């Protein structure tokens, strides 16, 4: 009797309906399981050695230079030191939207004029300061509304915004478990496109003035930095060719 029940077409139909129902409803625990499986796939990959290094502001740095935020003249010295040690391109992942209380903005801007430095901006509910935009070439601009859009963007103080070699956004898209696994390669603010920090690093490294975006009814189809040898795909960039 049990065997007949298992082999019954009604059992198969019921099972199929249940599976389809779960996929359509996509309850949170199913999505959590899927995300954990994705994490396992990522962490199980062999370690890749890259020539990218991070200089962290830790407790030892605070003991040496004082409380946070640091005098921006410290960043100026850090930039010079990194290039003296053979750095190819320096990225300061520090938001500087207010004038430095210690008066270090001029020293940092001078250091950035002598060597390329990329700064960050943060998409927000309103705009603060005047954000720089590298410009973009858009194919199928009628689908611009498919891009992740923010009401405003927080930029750095004008002196630093103008001195920077590039500005990249650092917003993320947390999953239901609070883990950041994704970030948009480009966002829209006020009808203008702003590249992510990763895209901006590639643009500046390639010495290109713009980036290219191809849109479709599903959103971003492809992205490209013309001067950088790459695969024509919006998910990753390859310099192996």
C-alpha atoms as a PDB file:
ATOM      1  CA  UNK A   1       0.000   0.000   0.000  1.00  0.00           C
ATOM      2  CA  UNK A   2       2.853   2.365   0.894  1.00  0.00           C
ATOM      3  CA  UNK A   3       4.663   1.506  -2.360  1.00  0.00           C
ATOM      4  CA  UNK A   4       1.543   2.224  -4.387  1.00  0.00           C
ATOM      5  CA  UNK A   5       1.142   5.563  -2.587  1.00  0.00           C
ATOM      6  CA  UNK A   6       4.748   6.566  -3.322  1.00  0.00           C
ATOM      7  CA  UNK A   7       4.474   5.615  -7.002  1.00  0.00           C
ATOM      8  CA  UNK A   8       1.102   7.254  -7.452  1.00  0.00           C
ATOM      9  CA  UNK A   9       0.979  10.115 -10.024  1.00  0.00           C
ATOM     10  CA  UNK A  10      -1.045  12.090  -7.484  1.00  0.00           C
ATOM     11  CA  UNK A  11       1.859  11.885  -5.048  1.00  0.00           C
ATOM     12  CA  UNK A  12       4.230  13.162  -7.740  1.00  0.00           C
ATOM     13  CA  UNK A  13       1.804  15.984  -8.597  1.00  0.00           C
ATOM     14  CA  UNK A  14       1.414  16.934  -4.927  1.00  0.00           C
ATOM     15  CA  UNK A  15       5.199  16.942  -4.428  1.00  0.00           C
ATOM     16  CA  UNK A  16       5.708  19.064  -7.539  1.00  0.00           C
ATOM     17  CA  UNK A  17       3.036  21.517  -6.387  1.00  0.00           C
ATOM     18  CA  UNK A  18       4.684  21.761  -2.964  1.00  0.00           C
ATOM     19  CA  UNK A  19       8.123  22.429  -4.467  1.00  0.00           C
ATOM     20  CA  UNK A  20       6.764  25.074  -6.855  1.00  0.00           C
ATOM     21  CA  UNK A  21       4.808  26.690  -4.025  1.00  0.00           C
ATOM     22  CA  UNK A  22       7.914  26.918  -1.852  1.00  0.00           C
ATOM     23  CA  UNK A  23       9.907  28.434  -4.711  1.00  0.00           C
ATOM     24  CA  UNK A  24       7.259  31.037  -5.469  1.00  0.00           C
ATOM     25  CA  UNK A  25       6.703  31.937  -1.813  1.00  0.00           C
ATOM     26  CA  UNK A  26      10.469  31.801  -1.156  1.00  0.00           C
ATOM     27  CA  UNK A  27      10.157  31.902   2.660  1.00  0.00           C
ATOM     28  CA  UNK A  28      13.017  33.417   4.605  1.00  0.00           C
ATOM     29  CA  UNK A  29      14.400  30.108   5.860  1.00  0.00           C
ATOM     30  CA  UNK A  30      14.673  28.796   2.286  1.00  0.00           C
ATOM     31  CA  UNK A  31      16.530  31.937   1.225  1.00  0.00           C
ATOM     32  CA  UNK A  32      18.801  31.637   4.273  1.00  0.00           C
ATOM     33  CA  UNK A  33      19.701  28.074   3.325  1.00  0.00           C
ATOM     34  CA  UNK A  34      20.429  29.179  -0.240  1.00  0.00           C
ATOM     35  CA  UNK A  35      22.638  32.031   0.969  1.00  0.00           C
ATOM     36  CA  UNK A  36      24.555  29.763   3.334  1.00  0.00           C
ATOM     37  CA  UNK A  37      25.181  27.349   0.473  1.00  0.00           C
ATOM     38  CA  UNK A  38      26.458  30.266  -1.601  1.00  0.00           C
ATOM     39  CA  UNK A  39      28.812  31.230   1.265  1.00  0.00           C
ATOM     40  CA  UNK A  40      30.152  27.672   1.322  1.00  0.00           C
ATOM     41  CA  UNK A  41      30.878  27.791  -2.402  1.00  0.00           C
ATOM     42  CA  UNK A  42      32.810  31.050  -1.954  1.00  0.00           C
ATOM     43  CA  UNK A  43      34.802  30.070   1.139  1.00  0.00           C
ATOM     44  CA  UNK A  44      35.721  26.677  -0.316  1.00  0.00           C
ATOM     45  CA  UNK A  45      37.604  28.291  -3.203  1.00  0.00           C
ATOM     46  CA  UNK A  46      41.424  28.236  -3.042  1.00  0.00           C
ATOM     47  CA  UNK A  47      43.109  31.353  -1.707  1.00  0.00           C
ATOM     48  CA  UNK A  48      43.964  33.923  -4.369  1.00  0.00           C
ATOM     49  CA  UNK A  49      46.981  36.164  -3.859  1.00  0.00           C
ATOM     50  CA  UNK A  50      46.413  39.758  -4.999  1.00  0.00           C
ATOM     51  CA  UNK A  51      48.653  42.796  -4.884  1.00  0.00           C
ATOM     52  CA  UNK A  52      46.029  44.723  -2.919  1.00  0.00           C
ATOM     53  CA  UNK A  53      46.921  45.803   0.607  1.00  0.00           C
ATOM     54  CA  UNK A  54      44.950  47.517   3.373  1.00  0.00           C
ATOM     55  CA  UNK A  55      46.414  49.997   5.846  1.00  0.00           C
ATOM     56  CA  UNK A  56      43.980  49.900   8.767  1.00  0.00           C
ATOM     57  CA  UNK A  57      43.430  52.631  11.340  1.00  0.00           C
ATOM     58  CA  UNK A  58      43.629  50.509  14.482  1.00  0.00           C
ATOM     59  CA  UNK A  59      44.147  51.112  18.179  1.00  0.00           C
ATOM     60  CA  UNK A  60      47.894  51.464  17.682  1.00  0.00           C
ATOM     61  CA  UNK A  61      47.286  54.237  15.147  1.00  0.00           C
ATOM     62  CA  UNK A  62      44.936  56.038  17.539  1.00  0.00           C
ATOM     63  CA  UNK A  63      47.517  55.751  20.330  1.00  0.00           C
ATOM     64  CA  UNK A  64      50.089  57.383  18.039  1.00  0.00           C
ATOM     65  CA  UNK A  65      48.023  60.055  16.285  1.00  0.00           C
ATOM     66  CA  UNK A  66      45.210  60.758  18.745  1.00  0.00           C
ATOM     67  CA  UNK A  67      41.457  60.292  18.774  1.00  0.00           C
ATOM     68  CA  UNK A  68      39.249  59.755  15.762  1.00  0.00           C
ATOM     69  CA  UNK A  69      38.819  61.512  13.370  1.00  0.00           C
ATOM     70  CA  UNK A  70      42.501  61.918  12.590  1.00  0.00           C
ATOM     71  CA  UNK A  71      44.009  65.170  11.393  1.00  0.00           C
ATOM     72  CA  UNK A  72      43.917  64.952   7.590  1.00  0.00           C
ATOM     73  CA  UNK A  73      47.550  65.993   7.445  1.00  0.00           C
ATOM     74  CA  UNK A  74      48.139  62.456   8.777  1.00  0.00           C
ATOM     75  CA  UNK A  75      46.422  61.081   5.667  1.00  0.00           C
ATOM     76  CA  UNK A  76      48.636  63.341   3.548  1.00  0.00           C
ATOM     77  CA  UNK A  77      51.738  61.819   5.146  1.00  0.00           C
ATOM     78  CA  UNK A  78      50.283  58.338   4.708  1.00  0.00           C
ATOM     79  CA  UNK A  79      49.649  58.923   0.992  1.00  0.00           C
ATOM     80  CA  UNK A  80      53.225  60.106   0.451  1.00  0.00           C
ATOM     81  CA  UNK A  81      54.603  57.162   2.436  1.00  0.00           C
ATOM     82  CA  UNK A  82      52.552  54.610   0.461  1.00  0.00           C
ATOM     83  CA  UNK A  83      53.763  55.953  -2.872  1.00  0.00           C
ATOM     84  CA  UNK A  84      57.336  56.056  -1.574  1.00  0.00           C
ATOM     85  CA  UNK A  85      56.935  52.335  -0.846  1.00  0.00           C
ATOM     86  CA  UNK A  86      55.861  51.610  -4.429  1.00  0.00           C
ATOM     87  CA  UNK A  87      52.064  51.811  -4.274  1.00  0.00           C
ATOM     88  CA  UNK A  88      50.368  51.823  -7.669  1.00  0.00           C
ATOM     89  CA  UNK A  89      47.156  53.562  -6.638  1.00  0.00           C
ATOM     90  CA  UNK A  90      45.971  54.738  -3.210  1.00  0.00           C
ATOM     91  CA  UNK A  91      42.332  54.554  -2.116  1.00  0.00           C
ATOM     92  CA  UNK A  92      41.203  56.365   1.042  1.00  0.00           C
ATOM     93  CA  UNK A  93      38.069  54.613   2.283  1.00  0.00           C
ATOM     94  CA  UNK A  94      37.289  57.465   4.676  1.00  0.00           C
ATOM     95  CA  UNK A  95      34.352  59.852   4.319  1.00  0.00           C
ATOM     96  CA  UNK A  96      35.444  63.492   4.574  1.00  0.00           C
ATOM     97  CA  UNK A  97      32.247  65.492   4.146  1.00  0.00           C
ATOM     98  CA  UNK A  98      33.064  68.152   6.774  1.00  0.00           C
ATOM     99  CA  UNK A  99      36.004  70.538   6.973  1.00  0.00           C
ATOM    100  CA  UNK A 100      38.895  69.195   9.031  1.00  0.00           C
ATOM    101  CA  UNK A 101      38.853  70.849  12.467  1.00  0.00           C
ATOM    102  CA  UNK A 102      42.649  70.605  12.634  1.00  0.00           C
ATOM    103  CA  UNK A 103      43.066  72.389   9.279  1.00  0.00           C
ATOM    104  CA  UNK A 104      44.602  69.446   7.435  1.00  0.00           C
ATOM    105  CA  UNK A 105      42.503  69.678   4.261  1.00  0.00           C
ATOM    106  CA  UNK A 106      45.022  71.854   2.410  1.00  0.00           C
ATOM    107  CA  UNK A 107      47.908  69.454   3.094  1.00  0.00           C
ATOM    108  CA  UNK A 108      45.862  66.460   1.985  1.00  0.00           C
ATOM    109  CA  UNK A 109      44.664  68.219  -1.176  1.00  0.00           C
ATOM    110  CA  UNK A 110      48.272  69.105  -2.019  1.00  0.00           C
ATOM    111  CA  UNK A 111      49.377  65.489  -1.536  1.00  0.00           C
ATOM    112  CA  UNK A 112      46.503  64.327  -3.751  1.00  0.00           C
ATOM    113  CA  UNK A 113      47.536  66.810  -6.450  1.00  0.00           C
ATOM    114  CA  UNK A 114      51.004  65.278  -6.493  1.00  0.00           C
ATOM    115  CA  UNK A 115      49.868  61.626  -6.581  1.00  0.00           C
ATOM    116  CA  UNK A 116      46.511  60.048  -7.567  1.00  0.00           C
ATOM    117  CA  UNK A 117      44.142  59.224  -4.715  1.00  0.00           C
ATOM    118  CA  UNK A 118      40.604  57.836  -4.947  1.00  0.00           C
ATOM    119  CA  UNK A 119      38.028  58.937  -2.364  1.00  0.00           C
ATOM    120  CA  UNK A 120      34.566  57.617  -1.525  1.00  0.00           C
ATOM    121  CA  UNK A 121      31.026  58.977  -1.554  1.00  0.00           C
ATOM    122  CA  UNK A 122      27.882  57.602   0.055  1.00  0.00           C
ATOM    123  CA  UNK A 123      24.417  57.541  -1.585  1.00  0.00           C
ATOM    124  CA  UNK A 124      21.917  58.924   0.907  1.00  0.00           C
ATOM    125  CA  UNK A 125      18.503  60.496   1.411  1.00  0.00           C
ATOM    126  CA  UNK A 126      19.849  63.952   0.616  1.00  0.00           C
ATOM    127  CA  UNK A 127      22.869  65.500  -1.079  1.00  0.00           C
ATOM    128  CA  UNK A 128      25.675  67.115   0.888  1.00  0.00           C
ATOM    129  CA  UNK A 129      28.454  69.086  -0.838  1.00  0.00           C
ATOM    130  CA  UNK A 130      28.828  68.845  -4.630  1.00  0.00           C
ATOM    131  CA  UNK A 131      29.563  65.298  -5.861  1.00  0.00           C
ATOM    132  CA  UNK A 132      31.906  64.769  -8.784  1.00  0.00           C
ATOM    133  CA  UNK A 133      30.675  62.682 -11.654  1.00  0.00           C
ATOM    134  CA  UNK A 134      33.110  61.008 -14.074  1.00  0.00           C
ATOM    135  CA  UNK A 135      30.503  60.872 -16.820  1.00  0.00           C
ATOM    136  CA  UNK A 136      29.142  57.777 -18.500  1.00  0.00           C
ATOM    137  CA  UNK A 137      28.050  56.519 -21.901  1.00  0.00           C
ATOM    138  CA  UNK A 138      24.648  54.832 -21.627  1.00  0.00           C
ATOM    139  CA  UNK A 139      23.098  52.467 -24.151  1.00  0.00           C
ATOM    140  CA  UNK A 140      19.287  52.129 -23.937  1.00  0.00           C
ATOM    141  CA  UNK A 141      18.892  55.111 -21.601  1.00  0.00           C
ATOM    142  CA  UNK A 142      15.115  54.609 -21.571  1.00  0.00           C
ATOM    143  CA  UNK A 143      15.752  51.955 -18.900  1.00  0.00           C
ATOM    144  CA  UNK A 144      17.565  54.276 -16.487  1.00  0.00           C
ATOM    145  CA  UNK A 145      14.723  53.785 -14.005  1.00  0.00           C
ATOM    146  CA  UNK A 146      15.817  50.140 -13.645  1.00  0.00           C
ATOM    147  CA  UNK A 147      19.045  51.217 -11.915  1.00  0.00           C
ATOM    148  CA  UNK A 148      19.154  51.435  -8.115  1.00  0.00           C
ATOM    149  CA  UNK A 149      18.275  55.068  -7.385  1.00  0.00           C
ATOM    150  CA  UNK A 150      18.923  57.267  -4.343  1.00  0.00           C
ATOM    151  CA  UNK A 151      17.531  60.752  -3.572  1.00  0.00           C
ATOM    152  CA  UNK A 152      20.964  62.201  -2.818  1.00  0.00           C
ATOM    153  CA  UNK A 153      24.658  61.554  -2.298  1.00  0.00           C
ATOM    154  CA  UNK A 154      27.116  62.635   0.402  1.00  0.00           C
ATOM    155  CA  UNK A 155      30.329  63.989  -1.128  1.00  0.00           C
ATOM    156  CA  UNK A 156      33.624  65.158   0.324  1.00  0.00           C
ATOM    157  CA  UNK A 157      34.450  68.799   1.018  1.00  0.00           C
ATOM    158  CA  UNK A 158      34.993  70.656  -2.302  1.00  0.00           C
ATOM    159  CA  UNK A 159      38.760  71.002  -1.920  1.00  0.00           C
ATOM    160  CA  UNK A 160      39.236  67.238  -1.615  1.00  0.00           C
ATOM    161  CA  UNK A 161      36.490  66.291  -4.064  1.00  0.00           C
ATOM    162  CA  UNK A 162      38.210  68.329  -6.775  1.00  0.00           C
ATOM    163  CA  UNK A 163      41.731  67.088  -5.949  1.00  0.00           C
ATOM    164  CA  UNK A 164      40.798  63.386  -6.032  1.00  0.00           C
ATOM    165  CA  UNK A 165      41.691  61.273  -9.063  1.00  0.00           C
ATOM    166  CA  UNK A 166      38.322  59.572  -8.735  1.00  0.00           C
ATOM    167  CA  UNK A 167      35.302  59.131  -6.458  1.00  0.00           C
ATOM    168  CA  UNK A 168      33.509  55.806  -5.935  1.00  0.00           C
ATOM    169  CA  UNK A 169      30.351  54.923  -4.011  1.00  0.00           C
ATOM    170  CA  UNK A 170      30.440  52.362  -1.217  1.00  0.00           C
ATOM    171  CA  UNK A 171      26.794  51.490  -0.605  1.00  0.00           C
ATOM    172  CA  UNK A 172      25.852  47.828  -0.065  1.00  0.00           C
ATOM    173  CA  UNK A 173      22.742  45.663  -0.309  1.00  0.00           C
ATOM    174  CA  UNK A 174      22.506  43.519   2.864  1.00  0.00           C
ATOM    175  CA  UNK A 175      20.756  40.151   2.623  1.00  0.00           C
ATOM    176  CA  UNK A 176      17.985  39.030   4.987  1.00  0.00           C
ATOM    177  CA  UNK A 177      20.578  37.702   7.452  1.00  0.00           C
ATOM    178  CA  UNK A 178      22.368  41.069   7.588  1.00  0.00           C
ATOM    179  CA  UNK A 179      25.435  39.883   5.660  1.00  0.00           C
ATOM    180  CA  UNK A 180      26.743  42.073   2.829  1.00  0.00           C
ATOM    181  CA  UNK A 181      27.251  39.833  -0.187  1.00  0.00           C
ATOM    182  CA  UNK A 182      26.370  42.250  -2.977  1.00  0.00           C
ATOM    183  CA  UNK A 183      26.984  45.843  -3.975  1.00  0.00           C
ATOM    184  CA  UNK A 184      25.772  47.739  -7.028  1.00  0.00           C
ATOM    185  CA  UNK A 185      28.423  48.559  -9.630  1.00  0.00           C
ATOM    186  CA  UNK A 186      26.593  51.779 -10.423  1.00  0.00           C
ATOM    187  CA  UNK A 187      23.800  53.847  -8.848  1.00  0.00           C
ATOM    188  CA  UNK A 188      21.649  56.717 -10.069  1.00  0.00           C
ATOM    189  CA  UNK A 189      21.241  60.054  -8.273  1.00  0.00           C
ATOM    190  CA  UNK A 190      19.445  62.972  -9.880  1.00  0.00           C
ATOM    191  CA  UNK A 191      19.548  61.362 -13.305  1.00  0.00           C
ATOM    192  CA  UNK A 192      23.345  60.923 -13.177  1.00  0.00           C
ATOM    193  CA  UNK A 193      25.210  57.629 -12.815  1.00  0.00           C
ATOM    194  CA  UNK A 194      27.863  57.171 -10.149  1.00  0.00           C
ATOM    195  CA  UNK A 195      30.258  54.172 -10.228  1.00  0.00           C
ATOM    196  CA  UNK A 196      31.062  51.959  -7.279  1.00  0.00           C
ATOM    197  CA  UNK A 197      34.470  52.232  -5.646  1.00  0.00           C
ATOM    198  CA  UNK A 198      35.631  49.076  -7.461  1.00  0.00           C
ATOM    199  CA  UNK A 199      34.582  50.421 -10.859  1.00  0.00           C
ATOM    200  CA  UNK A 200      36.185  53.783 -10.163  1.00  0.00           C
ATOM    201  CA  UNK A 201      39.486  52.151  -9.194  1.00  0.00           C
ATOM    202  CA  UNK A 202      39.505  50.325 -12.532  1.00  0.00           C
ATOM    203  CA  UNK A 203      38.586  53.495 -14.449  1.00  0.00           C
ATOM    204  CA  UNK A 204      41.372  55.538 -12.851  1.00  0.00           C
ATOM    205  CA  UNK A 205      43.878  52.687 -13.224  1.00  0.00           C
ATOM    206  CA  UNK A 206      43.017  52.490 -16.920  1.00  0.00           C
ATOM    207  CA  UNK A 207      43.311  56.291 -17.251  1.00  0.00           C
ATOM    208  CA  UNK A 208      39.842  56.445 -18.786  1.00  0.00           C
ATOM    209  CA  UNK A 209      37.531  59.454 -18.539  1.00  0.00           C
ATOM    210  CA  UNK A 210      34.193  57.605 -18.529  1.00  0.00           C
ATOM    211  CA  UNK A 211      32.597  54.209 -18.086  1.00  0.00           C
ATOM    212  CA  UNK A 212      29.992  52.584 -20.323  1.00  0.00           C
ATOM    213  CA  UNK A 213      26.706  50.986 -19.309  1.00  0.00           C
ATOM    214  CA  UNK A 214      24.311  48.915 -21.398  1.00  0.00           C
ATOM    215  CA  UNK A 215      20.788  48.702 -19.979  1.00  0.00           C
ATOM    216  CA  UNK A 216      17.807  46.482 -20.661  1.00  0.00           C
ATOM    217  CA  UNK A 217      14.324  46.038 -19.237  1.00  0.00           C
ATOM    218  CA  UNK A 218      15.924  43.870 -16.524  1.00  0.00           C
ATOM    219  CA  UNK A 219      18.374  46.562 -15.443  1.00  0.00           C
ATOM    220  CA  UNK A 220      22.128  46.674 -16.049  1.00  0.00           C
ATOM    221  CA  UNK A 221      23.015  44.247 -18.814  1.00  0.00           C
ATOM    222  CA  UNK A 222      26.703  45.022 -19.254  1.00  0.00           C
ATOM    223  CA  UNK A 223      29.357  47.487 -18.103  1.00  0.00           C
ATOM    224  CA  UNK A 224      32.631  48.444 -19.679  1.00  0.00           C
ATOM    225  CA  UNK A 225      35.720  50.576 -19.154  1.00  0.00           C
ATOM    226  CA  UNK A 226      36.907  51.092 -22.696  1.00  0.00           C
ATOM    227  CA  UNK A 227      40.652  51.402 -22.074  1.00  0.00           C
ATOM    228  CA  UNK A 228      40.808  48.357 -19.800  1.00  0.00           C
ATOM    229  CA  UNK A 229      41.152  44.901 -21.425  1.00  0.00           C
ATOM    230  CA  UNK A 230      38.113  43.080 -20.097  1.00  0.00           C
ATOM    231  CA  UNK A 231      35.229  40.697 -20.576  1.00  0.00           C
ATOM    232  CA  UNK A 232      32.045  42.492 -21.687  1.00  0.00           C
ATOM    233  CA  UNK A 233      30.074  41.500 -18.612  1.00  0.00           C
ATOM    234  CA  UNK A 234      28.634  43.523 -15.752  1.00  0.00           C
ATOM    235  CA  UNK A 235      29.479  40.970 -13.078  1.00  0.00           C
ATOM    236  CA  UNK A 236      33.262  40.886 -13.245  1.00  0.00           C
ATOM    237  CA  UNK A 237      36.279  42.312 -15.006  1.00  0.00           C
ATOM    238  CA  UNK A 238      39.139  40.214 -16.294  1.00  0.00           C
ATOM    239  CA  UNK A 239      42.607  41.476 -17.174  1.00  0.00           C
ATOM    240  CA  UNK A 240      43.824  38.068 -18.343  1.00  0.00           C
ATOM    241  CA  UNK A 241      43.547  38.890 -22.051  1.00  0.00           C
END
